[in-house]
Protein backbone atom coordinates (compact mmCIF):
# COMPACT_ATOMS: atom_id res chain seq x y z
CA MET A 1 128.86 99.80 125.56
CA ARG A 2 126.71 102.71 124.36
CA LYS A 3 125.91 102.58 120.66
CA VAL A 4 124.24 104.83 118.11
CA ILE A 5 121.46 102.79 116.74
CA VAL A 6 119.18 103.77 113.73
CA ILE A 7 115.99 101.76 114.01
CA ALA A 8 113.80 101.31 110.94
CA LEU A 9 110.33 100.40 112.07
CA GLY A 10 108.07 98.34 109.91
CA GLY A 11 104.37 98.95 109.30
CA ASN A 12 103.27 96.55 112.13
CA ALA A 13 104.85 98.92 114.62
CA ILE A 14 102.16 101.37 113.74
CA LYS A 15 99.24 99.40 112.10
CA GLN A 16 98.63 95.68 112.13
CA ALA A 17 97.41 94.02 108.86
CA ASP A 18 93.93 93.13 110.29
CA GLU A 19 93.27 96.66 111.77
CA LYS A 20 91.32 99.52 110.20
CA GLY A 21 94.07 102.03 111.09
CA THR A 22 92.07 104.13 113.64
CA ALA A 23 93.98 106.62 115.70
CA GLU A 24 93.26 104.51 118.83
CA GLU A 25 94.64 101.36 117.12
CA GLN A 26 97.82 103.10 115.92
CA ARG A 27 98.45 104.70 119.27
CA ALA A 28 98.27 101.26 120.88
CA ASN A 29 100.72 99.82 118.44
CA VAL A 30 103.02 102.83 118.92
CA ALA A 31 102.88 102.45 122.71
CA THR A 32 103.92 98.72 122.39
CA THR A 33 106.70 99.69 120.12
CA CYS A 34 107.86 102.52 122.36
CA GLU A 35 108.22 100.09 125.30
CA GLN A 36 110.97 98.41 123.34
CA LEU A 37 112.54 101.75 122.47
CA VAL A 38 112.66 102.87 126.07
CA SER A 39 114.29 99.58 127.13
CA MET A 40 117.07 100.38 124.58
CA LEU A 41 117.39 103.85 126.05
CA LYS A 42 117.79 102.47 129.49
CA TYR A 43 120.88 100.66 128.19
CA GLY A 44 122.27 104.08 127.40
CA HIS A 45 122.06 103.73 123.63
CA ARG A 46 121.35 106.78 121.39
CA LEU A 47 118.41 106.33 119.11
CA VAL A 48 117.52 107.60 115.73
CA ILE A 49 114.00 106.23 114.68
CA THR A 50 112.57 105.99 111.16
CA HIS A 51 109.32 104.43 110.18
CA GLY A 52 107.26 103.40 107.19
CA ASN A 53 104.09 105.05 106.18
CA GLY A 54 102.66 102.73 103.43
CA PRO A 55 99.21 102.10 105.02
CA GLN A 56 98.83 105.72 106.19
CA ALA A 57 99.88 107.22 102.90
CA GLY A 58 97.67 104.76 100.98
CA ASN A 59 94.62 105.56 103.11
CA LEU A 60 95.29 109.30 103.02
CA LEU A 61 95.60 109.16 99.13
CA ILE A 62 92.14 107.48 99.08
CA GLN A 63 90.72 110.12 101.31
CA GLN A 64 92.23 112.86 99.04
CA GLU A 65 90.61 111.33 95.95
CA ALA A 66 87.32 110.68 97.65
CA GLY A 67 87.04 114.29 98.76
CA VAL A 68 88.15 115.96 95.45
CA ALA A 69 84.58 117.29 94.80
CA GLU A 70 84.80 119.34 97.97
CA VAL A 71 88.48 120.21 98.48
CA PRO A 72 91.55 120.05 96.16
CA ALA A 73 93.53 116.72 96.50
CA GLN A 74 97.15 117.17 97.66
CA PRO A 75 100.07 115.64 95.80
CA MET A 76 101.94 112.56 96.98
CA ASP A 77 104.96 114.49 98.34
CA VAL A 78 102.49 116.59 100.55
CA VAL A 79 100.72 113.45 101.56
CA GLY A 80 104.16 112.08 102.59
CA SER A 81 104.76 115.15 104.79
CA MET A 82 101.27 114.81 106.40
CA THR A 83 102.08 111.27 107.45
CA GLN A 84 105.47 112.25 108.72
CA GLY A 85 103.73 114.67 111.01
CA GLN A 86 101.02 112.22 112.06
CA ILE A 87 103.24 109.25 112.89
CA GLY A 88 106.12 111.38 114.24
CA TYR A 89 103.72 113.13 116.61
CA MET A 90 102.45 109.75 117.93
CA PHE A 91 105.95 108.37 118.52
CA GLN A 92 107.20 111.66 119.94
CA GLN A 93 104.31 112.12 122.41
CA THR A 94 104.35 108.55 123.52
CA LEU A 95 108.07 108.40 124.01
CA GLN A 96 108.07 111.71 125.95
CA ASN A 97 105.37 110.33 128.30
CA MET A 98 107.13 106.97 128.88
CA LEU A 99 110.54 108.65 129.53
CA TRP A 100 108.81 111.07 131.97
CA ASP A 101 107.41 107.99 133.84
CA GLU A 102 110.85 106.46 133.93
CA ARG A 103 112.46 109.75 134.98
CA ILE A 104 114.86 109.50 132.02
CA PRO A 105 115.68 113.16 131.09
CA LEU A 106 115.95 112.79 127.36
CA PRO A 107 114.48 115.17 124.84
CA VAL A 108 112.61 113.68 121.79
CA VAL A 109 112.06 115.51 118.49
CA SER A 110 110.33 114.57 115.24
CA VAL A 111 111.84 116.18 112.07
CA VAL A 112 110.04 117.06 108.82
CA ASN A 113 112.69 115.44 106.68
CA GLN A 114 113.41 115.62 102.93
CA VAL A 115 115.47 113.15 100.95
CA LEU A 116 117.00 113.80 97.52
CA VAL A 117 116.12 111.57 94.59
CA SER A 118 116.55 111.75 90.77
CA GLU A 119 113.66 111.93 88.35
CA ASP A 120 115.84 109.96 86.02
CA ASP A 121 115.54 106.92 88.38
CA PRO A 122 114.17 103.91 86.41
CA ASP A 123 111.52 103.19 89.05
CA TYR A 124 109.50 106.13 87.64
CA GLN A 125 109.01 103.88 84.50
CA ASP A 126 108.43 100.64 86.50
CA PRO A 127 107.00 101.42 89.90
CA SER A 128 107.86 99.09 92.81
CA LYS A 129 106.94 100.62 96.10
CA PRO A 130 103.78 99.11 97.83
CA VAL A 131 101.40 101.56 99.47
CA GLY A 132 98.04 101.16 101.07
CA PRO A 133 96.23 98.00 102.04
CA PHE A 134 96.70 94.41 100.80
CA TYR A 135 94.22 92.88 98.34
CA THR A 136 93.14 89.48 97.28
CA LYS A 137 93.44 88.71 93.56
CA GLU A 138 89.74 89.36 93.10
CA GLU A 139 89.92 92.68 94.96
CA ALA A 140 92.96 93.75 92.93
CA GLU A 141 91.21 92.94 89.65
CA LYS A 142 88.18 94.92 90.69
CA ILE A 143 90.31 98.07 91.68
CA LYS A 144 92.09 97.98 88.37
CA VAL A 145 88.80 98.24 86.47
CA GLY A 146 87.80 101.32 88.52
CA ARG A 147 91.31 102.88 88.55
CA PRO A 148 93.19 101.67 85.44
CA GLU A 149 96.04 104.05 86.22
CA TYR A 150 96.96 102.28 89.32
CA VAL A 151 99.82 99.76 89.16
CA ILE A 152 99.05 96.68 91.33
CA LYS A 153 101.60 93.97 91.89
CA GLU A 154 101.91 90.74 93.78
CA VAL A 155 104.20 91.33 96.88
CA LYS A 156 103.75 88.11 98.86
CA PRO A 157 104.05 84.39 98.06
CA GLU A 158 101.21 82.61 96.40
CA ASN A 159 100.10 80.85 99.54
CA VAL A 160 99.13 84.24 101.09
CA GLU A 161 95.53 85.24 100.29
CA LYS A 162 96.02 88.99 100.46
CA ARG A 163 99.24 89.35 98.53
CA PHE A 164 98.54 92.20 96.08
CA ARG A 165 99.20 96.03 96.75
CA ARG A 166 99.21 99.18 94.83
CA VAL A 167 102.79 100.28 93.93
CA VAL A 168 104.19 103.78 93.13
CA PRO A 169 107.59 104.92 91.93
CA SER A 170 110.33 104.33 94.61
CA PRO A 171 113.55 106.00 93.46
CA GLU A 172 116.88 105.39 95.19
CA PRO A 173 117.60 107.84 97.95
CA ILE A 174 120.71 110.07 97.26
CA ARG A 175 121.07 112.28 100.25
CA ASN A 176 119.20 113.21 103.42
CA ILE A 177 118.72 116.95 103.17
CA GLU A 178 118.60 117.80 106.84
CA TYR A 179 121.33 115.34 107.90
CA LEU A 180 123.61 118.00 109.37
CA ALA A 181 120.90 119.15 111.93
CA ILE A 182 120.10 115.51 112.61
CA ARG A 183 123.55 114.57 113.30
CA LYS A 184 124.00 117.58 115.64
CA MET A 185 120.99 116.52 117.61
CA VAL A 186 122.09 112.82 117.94
CA ASP A 187 125.53 114.01 119.07
CA ASP A 188 123.69 116.09 121.81
CA GLY A 189 121.90 113.02 122.97
CA ILE A 190 118.42 113.89 121.52
CA VAL A 191 116.21 111.04 120.49
CA VAL A 192 115.49 111.82 116.91
CA ILE A 193 112.46 110.65 114.72
CA ALA A 194 113.47 111.35 111.11
CA SER A 195 113.22 110.26 107.52
CA GLY A 196 109.67 109.00 108.16
CA GLY A 197 108.13 107.05 105.25
CA GLY A 198 111.53 107.23 103.58
CA GLY A 199 111.57 110.90 103.74
CA ILE A 200 109.71 113.34 101.59
CA PRO A 201 111.04 112.81 98.10
CA VAL A 202 112.56 116.04 96.58
CA VAL A 203 114.58 116.90 93.40
CA TYR A 204 116.44 120.03 92.27
CA ASP A 205 114.89 122.26 89.76
CA GLU A 206 116.84 124.30 87.13
CA ARG A 207 117.65 126.90 89.83
CA LYS A 208 118.90 124.21 92.27
CA HIS A 209 115.86 124.77 94.39
CA LEU A 210 114.22 121.78 96.03
CA LYS A 211 110.79 120.69 94.98
CA GLY A 212 108.63 117.65 95.73
CA THR A 213 108.15 114.69 93.40
CA ALA A 214 105.48 112.08 93.16
CA ALA A 215 107.05 109.05 94.70
CA VAL A 216 107.53 107.10 97.96
CA ILE A 217 111.12 106.24 98.89
CA ASP A 218 111.71 102.88 100.48
CA LYS A 219 112.11 103.60 104.28
CA ASP A 220 114.80 100.94 104.85
CA LYS A 221 117.00 102.30 102.04
CA ALA A 222 116.47 105.81 103.38
CA GLY A 223 117.12 104.62 106.76
CA GLU A 224 120.49 103.32 105.69
CA VAL A 225 121.42 106.54 104.22
CA LEU A 226 120.47 108.26 107.55
CA ALA A 227 122.31 105.59 109.53
CA THR A 228 125.49 106.23 107.56
CA VAL A 229 125.56 109.99 107.74
CA VAL A 230 124.89 110.05 111.50
CA GLY A 231 127.70 107.48 112.08
CA ALA A 232 125.46 104.81 113.54
CA ASP A 233 127.07 101.72 114.89
CA ILE A 234 124.06 99.53 114.40
CA PHE A 235 121.25 99.58 111.82
CA LEU A 236 118.28 97.79 113.22
CA VAL A 237 115.44 96.83 110.85
CA LEU A 238 112.25 95.79 112.74
CA THR A 239 109.58 93.93 110.67
CA ASP A 240 106.89 91.25 111.22
CA VAL A 241 109.30 88.29 110.99
CA ALA A 242 112.12 87.30 113.45
CA HIS A 243 114.57 86.44 110.64
CA ALA A 244 115.25 86.92 107.04
CA LYS A 245 114.73 83.58 105.28
CA ILE A 246 116.07 81.60 102.32
CA ASN A 247 113.64 79.78 100.23
CA PHE A 248 110.75 81.70 101.80
CA GLY A 249 107.44 80.06 101.59
CA GLN A 250 108.88 76.71 100.43
CA PRO A 251 109.13 73.34 102.34
CA ASP A 252 112.93 73.92 102.75
CA GLU A 253 112.50 77.45 104.18
CA LYS A 254 115.42 78.34 106.48
CA ASP A 255 116.16 81.23 108.95
CA VAL A 256 119.36 83.30 108.31
CA GLY A 257 121.08 83.97 111.58
CA ARG A 258 124.49 85.56 112.04
CA ILE A 259 126.15 85.89 108.64
CA ALA A 260 129.09 87.56 106.92
CA TYR A 261 128.45 90.41 104.48
CA SER A 262 129.82 88.51 101.47
CA GLU A 263 127.65 85.39 102.20
CA MET A 264 124.52 87.47 102.61
CA LYS A 265 125.23 89.39 99.44
CA LYS A 266 125.48 86.09 97.54
CA LEU A 267 122.10 85.02 98.92
CA SER A 268 120.59 88.32 97.80
CA GLU A 269 122.06 88.01 94.30
CA GLU A 270 120.65 84.52 94.09
CA GLY A 271 117.12 85.88 94.39
CA HIS A 272 116.15 84.62 97.91
CA PHE A 273 114.67 87.97 99.14
CA LYS A 274 111.64 89.23 97.32
CA ALA A 275 111.47 92.79 95.94
CA GLY A 276 108.76 94.80 97.77
CA SER A 277 109.23 92.80 100.88
CA MET A 278 112.51 91.45 102.46
CA GLY A 279 114.56 92.47 99.40
CA PRO A 280 114.97 96.10 100.16
CA LYS A 281 115.65 95.37 103.85
CA VAL A 282 118.51 93.12 102.97
CA LEU A 283 119.85 95.45 100.36
CA ALA A 284 119.75 98.41 102.89
CA CYS A 285 121.60 96.18 105.46
CA LEU A 286 124.35 95.27 102.92
CA ARG A 287 124.83 98.99 102.02
CA PHE A 288 125.18 99.85 105.66
CA ILE A 289 128.02 97.35 106.09
CA GLU A 290 129.62 98.50 102.82
CA TRP A 291 129.79 102.02 104.19
CA GLY A 292 131.57 100.87 107.29
CA GLY A 293 128.72 100.06 109.78
CA GLN A 294 129.49 97.45 112.49
CA THR A 295 126.25 95.46 112.53
CA ALA A 296 122.99 95.35 110.57
CA ILE A 297 120.06 93.42 112.09
CA ILE A 298 116.68 92.29 110.75
CA THR A 299 114.26 90.95 113.26
CA SER A 300 110.76 91.34 114.67
CA LEU A 301 109.75 93.98 117.21
CA ASP A 302 109.42 91.60 120.06
CA LYS A 303 112.95 90.25 119.41
CA ALA A 304 114.62 93.66 119.19
CA ILE A 305 116.44 93.58 122.66
CA ALA A 306 117.49 89.99 122.23
CA ALA A 307 118.79 90.79 118.74
CA LEU A 308 120.94 93.69 120.00
CA MET A 309 122.36 91.20 122.53
CA GLY A 310 123.22 88.76 119.71
CA GLN A 311 120.67 86.31 120.69
CA ALA A 312 118.01 86.64 117.83
CA GLY A 313 117.45 87.85 114.35
CA THR A 314 119.42 88.04 111.13
CA ARG A 315 122.75 89.63 111.99
CA ILE A 316 124.90 90.82 109.15
CA VAL A 317 128.50 91.59 110.04
CA PRO A 318 131.64 92.57 108.05
CA ASP A 319 133.59 89.79 106.48
CA GLY A 320 136.12 88.34 108.97
CA THR A 321 133.93 89.02 112.06
CA ALA A 322 131.22 86.36 111.63
């Protein structure tokens, strides 16, 4: 049965942790990802694709700062729009080429997409969103000396060497600004790439005009907002692990498979899913089910098709259907 699926792609769909992030590396990763997406399209599903931009935005911010003596540095919202264009272009072109080879006559479009937030959000006082590369403890301490204004936090378990990243404000997404246009395109069968990097964060000024704000919205939370307004049946979060886990990094670590909403919410409230890592993904999936979604899935890219068939991944469903 044909489904509308919103797919939130993790950073490994674009850049692997051990890569420099060259255009060639990113194109190769995008091609691998698009092979999975094309397989879904062959099943007749309608796709809306969103993606992270943490490594790309982090690297671009470094470039902006390094070149400030020659050209003006651009603010964070503009950097976000730049990465939307970069990553959207790569996915759009790669999908177009693959669909052409398969003789599948589907149009693909990437949208420059704004997402409304509030400057009263508490995350502006206590930033939580990781951007840029991972650091060892020693590297993080050295960076803090040179850039004391940076906020750097531990985002992975202690047994991981490179577990620190710079964090920036990550306000809650309120509304996808271009959702009406996106919904019309999805209804017409267009493959849409939207809300890249969580969307360009914007607020209303005193005249009710939109303006950018210095933040990075969590792409999974923004993906859920997008999934809800386009009426998605499935919200598919693709990351670098096959399942969400309880007791992550401990000897009694355990995969979470098919699970009812209320049970997954309880695990989340018990603190099993770390903020800045699996936590926002689980929260986004729970919100999707709360708003009437049929199924929310967390799994790895290579398990995507199996997960859609109910054979892999963490699968969150409404109470009474598990």
